[in-house]
Amino acid sequence: MLERAGVPAVSICTEAFVIPARAMADVLGHPEFEFVTIPHPIASLSGAEIETMVRPVVADVVRILTEG
């Protein structure tokens, strides 16, 4: 929805939600939609632990946001 409104956005989901994320992209008419995945689960992690998990995908987030 943000992308449709002209606001660059990146979806980040855990590995457990890759299949539903791809299905949602297909249903919404964007089968090529690219998102970033991180390991699952994250609910019980501290902010510092989540930050450690996200660091490896920051370059992907930036690339997706700046592609054009």
PDB file of N, CA and C in Angstrom:
ATOM      1  N   MET A   1       0.823  -1.196   0.000  1.00  0.00           N
ATOM      2  CA  MET A   1       0.000   0.000   0.000  1.00  0.00           C
ATOM      3  C   MET A   1       0.866   1.259   0.000  1.00  0.00           C
ATOM      4  N   LEU A   2       1.942   1.232   0.784  1.00  0.00           N
ATOM      5  CA  LEU A   2       2.829   2.397   0.799  1.00  0.00           C
ATOM      6  C   LEU A   2       3.454   2.623  -0.564  1.00  0.00           C
ATOM      7  N   GLU A   3       3.922   1.554  -1.194  1.00  0.00           N
ATOM      8  CA  GLU A   3       4.527   1.664  -2.523  1.00  0.00           C
ATOM      9  C   GLU A   3       3.532   2.255  -3.516  1.00  0.00           C
ATOM     10  N   ARG A   4       2.299   1.814  -3.456  1.00  0.00           N
ATOM     11  CA  ARG A   4       1.269   2.353  -4.362  1.00  0.00           C
ATOM     12  C   ARG A   4       1.048   3.840  -4.129  1.00  0.00           C
ATOM     13  N   ALA A   5       1.274   4.293  -2.893  1.00  0.00           N
ATOM     14  CA  ALA A   5       1.114   5.715  -2.564  1.00  0.00           C
ATOM     15  C   ALA A   5       2.390   6.511  -2.845  1.00  0.00           C
ATOM     16  N   GLY A   6       3.410   5.840  -3.407  1.00  0.00           N
ATOM     17  CA  GLY A   6       4.648   6.523  -3.746  1.00  0.00           C
ATOM     18  C   GLY A   6       5.662   6.591  -2.619  1.00  0.00           C
ATOM     19  N   VAL A   7       5.431   5.839  -1.559  1.00  0.00           N
ATOM     20  CA  VAL A   7       6.350   5.831  -0.425  1.00  0.00           C
ATOM     21  C   VAL A   7       7.180   4.547  -0.489  1.00  0.00           C
ATOM     22  N   PRO A   8       8.499   4.675  -0.688  1.00  0.00           N
ATOM     23  CA  PRO A   8       9.329   3.466  -0.727  1.00  0.00           C
ATOM     24  C   PRO A   8       9.200   2.682   0.582  1.00  0.00           C
ATOM     25  N   ALA A   9       9.076   1.372   0.462  1.00  0.00           N
ATOM     26  CA  ALA A   9       8.903   0.531   1.642  1.00  0.00           C
ATOM     27  C   ALA A   9       9.531  -0.837   1.386  1.00  0.00           C
ATOM     28  N   VAL A  10       9.890  -1.497   2.458  1.00  0.00           N
ATOM     29  CA  VAL A  10      10.423  -2.847   2.388  1.00  0.00           C
ATOM     30  C   VAL A  10       9.702  -3.694   3.423  1.00  0.00           C
ATOM     31  N   SER A  11       9.214  -4.826   2.990  1.00  0.00           N
ATOM     32  CA  SER A  11       8.618  -5.772   3.933  1.00  0.00           C
ATOM     33  C   SER A  11       9.724  -6.675   4.453  1.00  0.00           C
ATOM     34  N   ILE A  12       9.727  -6.867   5.758  1.00  0.00           N
ATOM     35  CA  ILE A  12      10.678  -7.775   6.391  1.00  0.00           C
ATOM     36  C   ILE A  12       9.854  -8.821   7.124  1.00  0.00           C
ATOM     37  N   CYS A  13      10.104 -10.087   6.802  1.00  0.00           N
ATOM     38  CA  CYS A  13       9.375 -11.152   7.480  1.00  0.00           C
ATOM     39  C   CYS A  13      10.352 -12.237   7.906  1.00  0.00           C
ATOM     40  N   THR A  14       9.911 -13.026   8.847  1.00  0.00           N
ATOM     41  CA  THR A  14      10.761 -14.135   9.268  1.00  0.00           C
ATOM     42  C   THR A  14      10.577 -15.288   8.284  1.00  0.00           C
ATOM     43  N   GLU A  15      11.548 -16.195   8.303  1.00  0.00           N
ATOM     44  CA  GLU A  15      11.542 -17.313   7.363  1.00  0.00           C
ATOM     45  C   GLU A  15      10.253 -18.125   7.417  1.00  0.00           C
ATOM     46  N   ALA A  16       9.619 -18.164   8.566  1.00  0.00           N
ATOM     47  CA  ALA A  16       8.385 -18.933   8.717  1.00  0.00           C
ATOM     48  C   ALA A  16       7.234 -18.365   7.895  1.00  0.00           C
ATOM     49  N   PHE A  17       7.350 -17.112   7.452  1.00  0.00           N
ATOM     50  CA  PHE A  17       6.257 -16.460   6.741  1.00  0.00           C
ATOM     51  C   PHE A  17       6.549 -16.211   5.266  1.00  0.00           C
ATOM     52  N   VAL A  18       7.580 -16.847   4.729  1.00  0.00           N
ATOM     53  CA  VAL A  18       7.931 -16.646   3.319  1.00  0.00           C
ATOM     54  C   VAL A  18       6.809 -17.126   2.398  1.00  0.00           C
ATOM     55  N   ILE A  19       6.269 -18.300   2.634  1.00  0.00           N
ATOM     56  CA  ILE A  19       5.205 -18.817   1.758  1.00  0.00           C
ATOM     57  C   ILE A  19       3.971 -17.920   1.802  1.00  0.00           C
ATOM     58  N   PRO A  20       3.487 -17.528   2.989  1.00  0.00           N
ATOM     59  CA  PRO A  20       2.339 -16.605   3.004  1.00  0.00           C
ATOM     60  C   PRO A  20       2.665 -15.243   2.375  1.00  0.00           C
ATOM     61  N   ALA A  21       3.882 -14.762   2.547  1.00  0.00           N
ATOM     62  CA  ALA A  21       4.260 -13.470   1.960  1.00  0.00           C
ATOM     63  C   ALA A  21       4.230 -13.540   0.439  1.00  0.00           C
ATOM     64  N   ARG A  22       4.762 -14.625  -0.120  1.00  0.00           N
ATOM     65  CA  ARG A  22       4.733 -14.794  -1.578  1.00  0.00           C
ATOM     66  C   ARG A  22       3.291 -14.933  -2.075  1.00  0.00           C
ATOM     67  N   ALA A  23       2.473 -15.662  -1.332  1.00  0.00           N
ATOM     68  CA  ALA A  23       1.068 -15.828  -1.717  1.00  0.00           C
ATOM     69  C   ALA A  23       0.344 -14.483  -1.703  1.00  0.00           C
ATOM     70  N   MET A  24       0.607 -13.671  -0.684  1.00  0.00           N
ATOM     71  CA  MET A  24      -0.033 -12.360  -0.608  1.00  0.00           C
ATOM     72  C   MET A  24       0.402 -11.480  -1.773  1.00  0.00           C
ATOM     73  N   ALA A  25       1.681 -11.518  -2.103  1.00  0.00           N
ATOM     74  CA  ALA A  25       2.173 -10.733  -3.238  1.00  0.00           C
ATOM     75  C   ALA A  25       1.472 -11.174  -4.524  1.00  0.00           C
ATOM     76  N   ASP A  26       1.315 -12.475  -4.713  1.00  0.00           N
ATOM     77  CA  ASP A  26       0.624 -12.984  -5.898  1.00  0.00           C
ATOM     78  C   ASP A  26      -0.823 -12.519  -5.941  1.00  0.00           C
ATOM     79  N   VAL A  27      -1.517 -12.665  -4.823  1.00  0.00           N
ATOM     80  CA  VAL A  27      -2.935 -12.287  -4.758  1.00  0.00           C
ATOM     81  C   VAL A  27      -3.119 -10.792  -5.039  1.00  0.00           C
ATOM     82  N   LEU A  28      -2.167  -9.979  -4.575  1.00  0.00           N
ATOM     83  CA  LEU A  28      -2.263  -8.535  -4.779  1.00  0.00           C
ATOM     84  C   LEU A  28      -1.743  -8.097  -6.145  1.00  0.00           C
ATOM     85  N   GLY A  29      -1.355  -9.079  -6.971  1.00  0.00           N
ATOM     86  CA  GLY A  29      -0.941  -8.762  -8.334  1.00  0.00           C
ATOM     87  C   GLY A  29       0.509  -8.344  -8.493  1.00  0.00           C
ATOM     88  N   HIS A  30       1.351  -8.687  -7.522  1.00  0.00           N
ATOM     89  CA  HIS A  30       2.769  -8.334  -7.584  1.00  0.00           C
ATOM     90  C   HIS A  30       3.641  -9.556  -7.295  1.00  0.00           C
ATOM     91  N   PRO A  31       3.595 -10.549  -8.172  1.00  0.00           N
ATOM     92  CA  PRO A  31       4.358 -11.770  -7.907  1.00  0.00           C
ATOM     93  C   PRO A  31       5.875 -11.534  -7.844  1.00  0.00           C
ATOM     94  N   GLU A  32       6.325 -10.425  -8.403  1.00  0.00           N
ATOM     95  CA  GLU A  32       7.758 -10.096  -8.383  1.00  0.00           C
ATOM     96  C   GLU A  32       8.165  -9.325  -7.131  1.00  0.00           C
ATOM     97  N   PHE A  33       7.212  -9.032  -6.252  1.00  0.00           N
ATOM     98  CA  PHE A  33       7.481  -8.239  -5.055  1.00  0.00           C
ATOM     99  C   PHE A  33       8.626  -8.859  -4.258  1.00  0.00           C
ATOM    100  N   GLU A  34       9.603  -8.046  -3.948  1.00  0.00           N
ATOM    101  CA  GLU A  34      10.764  -8.526  -3.218  1.00  0.00           C
ATOM    102  C   GLU A  34      10.683  -8.090  -1.763  1.00  0.00           C
ATOM    103  N   PHE A  35      10.963  -9.007  -0.874  1.00  0.00           N
ATOM    104  CA  PHE A  35      10.973  -8.703   0.548  1.00  0.00           C
ATOM    105  C   PHE A  35      12.221  -9.317   1.165  1.00  0.00           C
ATOM    106  N   VAL A  36      12.488  -8.950   2.394  1.00  0.00           N
ATOM    107  CA  VAL A  36      13.681  -9.410   3.098  1.00  0.00           C
ATOM    108  C   VAL A  36      13.245 -10.381   4.188  1.00  0.00           C
ATOM    109  N   THR A  37      14.020 -11.438   4.366  1.00  0.00           N
ATOM    110  CA  THR A  37      13.698 -12.401   5.414  1.00  0.00           C
ATOM    111  C   THR A  37      14.807 -12.450   6.465  1.00  0.00           C
ATOM    112  N   ILE A  38      14.369 -12.693   7.677  1.00  0.00           N
ATOM    113  CA  ILE A  38      15.286 -12.894   8.797  1.00  0.00           C
ATOM    114  C   ILE A  38      14.892 -14.190   9.492  1.00  0.00           C
ATOM    115  N   PRO A  39      15.771 -14.756  10.295  1.00  0.00           N
ATOM    116  CA  PRO A  39      15.448 -16.022  10.975  1.00  0.00           C
ATOM    117  C   PRO A  39      14.232 -15.898  11.900  1.00  0.00           C
ATOM    118  N   HIS A  40      13.595 -17.011  12.093  1.00  0.00           N
ATOM    119  CA  HIS A  40      12.426 -17.120  12.967  1.00  0.00           C
ATOM    120  C   HIS A  40      12.828 -17.936  14.189  1.00  0.00           C
ATOM    121  N   PRO A  41      12.300 -17.681  15.334  1.00  0.00           N
ATOM    122  CA  PRO A  41      11.328 -16.666  15.746  1.00  0.00           C
ATOM    123  C   PRO A  41      12.033 -15.411  16.270  1.00  0.00           C
ATOM    124  N   ILE A  42      11.249 -14.344  16.410  1.00  0.00           N
ATOM    125  CA  ILE A  42      11.809 -13.107  16.961  1.00  0.00           C
ATOM    126  C   ILE A  42      11.044 -12.596  18.185  1.00  0.00           C
ATOM    127  N   ALA A  43       9.886 -13.166  18.455  1.00  0.00           N
ATOM    128  CA  ALA A  43       9.018 -12.651  19.519  1.00  0.00           C
ATOM    129  C   ALA A  43       9.688 -12.588  20.884  1.00  0.00           C
ATOM    130  N   SER A  44      10.554 -13.529  21.179  1.00  0.00           N
ATOM    131  CA  SER A  44      11.164 -13.564  22.508  1.00  0.00           C
ATOM    132  C   SER A  44      12.541 -12.894  22.557  1.00  0.00           C
ATOM    133  N   LEU A  45      12.964 -12.295  21.457  1.00  0.00           N
ATOM    134  CA  LEU A  45      14.295 -11.688  21.415  1.00  0.00           C
ATOM    135  C   LEU A  45      14.301 -10.267  21.955  1.00  0.00           C
ATOM    136  N   SER A  46      15.437  -9.861  22.453  1.00  0.00           N
ATOM    137  CA  SER A  46      15.607  -8.480  22.899  1.00  0.00           C
ATOM    138  C   SER A  46      15.863  -7.599  21.676  1.00  0.00           C
ATOM    139  N   GLY A  47      15.777  -6.315  21.862  1.00  0.00           N
ATOM    140  CA  GLY A  47      16.076  -5.383  20.783  1.00  0.00           C
ATOM    141  C   GLY A  47      17.478  -5.578  20.237  1.00  0.00           C
ATOM    142  N   ALA A  48      18.433  -5.813  21.126  1.00  0.00           N
ATOM    143  CA  ALA A  48      19.822  -6.019  20.701  1.00  0.00           C
ATOM    144  C   ALA A  48      19.949  -7.301  19.873  1.00  0.00           C
ATOM    145  N   GLU A  49      19.230  -8.336  20.262  1.00  0.00           N
ATOM    146  CA  GLU A  49      19.279  -9.596  19.506  1.00  0.00           C
ATOM    147  C   GLU A  49      18.658  -9.435  18.119  1.00  0.00           C
ATOM    148  N   ILE A  50      17.579  -8.699  18.049  1.00  0.00           N
ATOM    149  CA  ILE A  50      16.944  -8.446  16.753  1.00  0.00           C
ATOM    150  C   ILE A  50      17.876  -7.605  15.880  1.00  0.00           C
ATOM    151  N   GLU A  51      18.511  -6.624  16.472  1.00  0.00           N
ATOM    152  CA  GLU A  51      19.458  -5.801  15.711  1.00  0.00           C
ATOM    153  C   GLU A  51      20.568  -6.668  15.116  1.00  0.00           C
ATOM    154  N   THR A  52      21.085  -7.600  15.881  1.00  0.00           N
ATOM    155  CA  THR A  52      22.120  -8.518  15.387  1.00  0.00           C
ATOM    156  C   THR A  52      21.598  -9.347  14.223  1.00  0.00           C
ATOM    157  N   MET A  53      20.346  -9.751  14.303  1.00  0.00           N
ATOM    158  CA  MET A  53      19.731 -10.558  13.262  1.00  0.00           C
ATOM    159  C   MET A  53      19.504  -9.764  11.977  1.00  0.00           C
ATOM    160  N   VAL A  54      19.238  -8.476  12.128  1.00  0.00           N
ATOM    161  CA  VAL A  54      18.897  -7.635  10.980  1.00  0.00           C
ATOM    162  C   VAL A  54      20.138  -7.092  10.263  1.00  0.00           C
ATOM    163  N   ARG A  55      21.223  -6.935  10.959  1.00  0.00           N
ATOM    164  CA  ARG A  55      22.434  -6.371  10.343  1.00  0.00           C
ATOM    165  C   ARG A  55      22.800  -7.006   8.996  1.00  0.00           C
ATOM    166  N   PRO A  56      22.746  -8.335   8.871  1.00  0.00           N
ATOM    167  CA  PRO A  56      23.134  -8.936   7.588  1.00  0.00           C
ATOM    168  C   PRO A  56      22.224  -8.579   6.406  1.00  0.00           C
ATOM    169  N   VAL A  57      21.010  -8.096   6.660  1.00  0.00           N
ATOM    170  CA  VAL A  57      20.091  -7.792   5.557  1.00  0.00           C
ATOM    171  C   VAL A  57      19.942  -6.303   5.276  1.00  0.00           C
ATOM    172  N   VAL A  58      20.676  -5.464   6.002  1.00  0.00           N
ATOM    173  CA  VAL A  58      20.554  -4.011   5.812  1.00  0.00           C
ATOM    174  C   VAL A  58      20.861  -3.617   4.371  1.00  0.00           C
ATOM    175  N   ALA A  59      21.881  -4.212   3.778  1.00  0.00           N
ATOM    176  CA  ALA A  59      22.228  -3.880   2.386  1.00  0.00           C
ATOM    177  C   ALA A  59      21.068  -4.213   1.449  1.00  0.00           C
ATOM    178  N   ASP A  60      20.372  -5.318   1.698  1.00  0.00           N
ATOM    179  CA  ASP A  60      19.214  -5.675   0.874  1.00  0.00           C
ATOM    180  C   ASP A  60      18.084  -4.661   1.047  1.00  0.00           C
ATOM    181  N   VAL A  61      17.868  -4.228   2.276  1.00  0.00           N
ATOM    182  CA  VAL A  61      16.831  -3.220   2.531  1.00  0.00           C
ATOM    183  C   VAL A  61      17.146  -1.942   1.760  1.00  0.00           C
ATOM    184  N   VAL A  62      18.372  -1.491   1.835  1.00  0.00           N
ATOM    185  CA  VAL A  62      18.775  -0.264   1.133  1.00  0.00           C
ATOM    186  C   VAL A  62      18.617  -0.442  -0.375  1.00  0.00           C
ATOM    187  N   ARG A  63      19.048  -1.583  -0.899  1.00  0.00           N
ATOM    188  CA  ARG A  63      18.951  -1.841  -2.336  1.00  0.00           C
ATOM    189  C   ARG A  63      17.498  -1.792  -2.789  1.00  0.00           C
ATOM    190  N   ILE A  64      16.614  -2.450  -2.052  1.00  0.00           N
ATOM    191  CA  ILE A  64      15.198  -2.462  -2.429  1.00  0.00           C
ATOM    192  C   ILE A  64      14.612  -1.056  -2.367  1.00  0.00           C
ATOM    193  N   LEU A  65      14.978  -0.306  -1.340  1.00  0.00           N
ATOM    194  CA  LEU A  65      14.448   1.056  -1.208  1.00  0.00           C
ATOM    195  C   LEU A  65      14.935   1.995  -2.309  1.00  0.00           C
ATOM    196  N   THR A  66      16.119   1.743  -2.816  1.00  0.00           N
ATOM    197  CA  THR A  66      16.698   2.682  -3.788  1.00  0.00           C
ATOM    198  C   THR A  66      16.594   2.225  -5.228  1.00  0.00           C
ATOM    199  N   GLU A  67      16.086   1.025  -5.451  1.00  0.00           N
ATOM    200  CA  GLU A  67      15.887   0.567  -6.837  1.00  0.00           C
ATOM    201  C   GLU A  67      14.759   1.353  -7.465  1.00  0.00           C
ATOM    202  N   GLY A  68      14.897   1.519  -8.740  1.00  0.00           N
ATOM    203  CA  GLY A  68      13.954   2.190  -9.327  1.00  0.00           C
ATOM    204  C   GLY A  68      12.976   2.628 -10.082  1.00  0.00           C
TER     205      GLY A  68
END
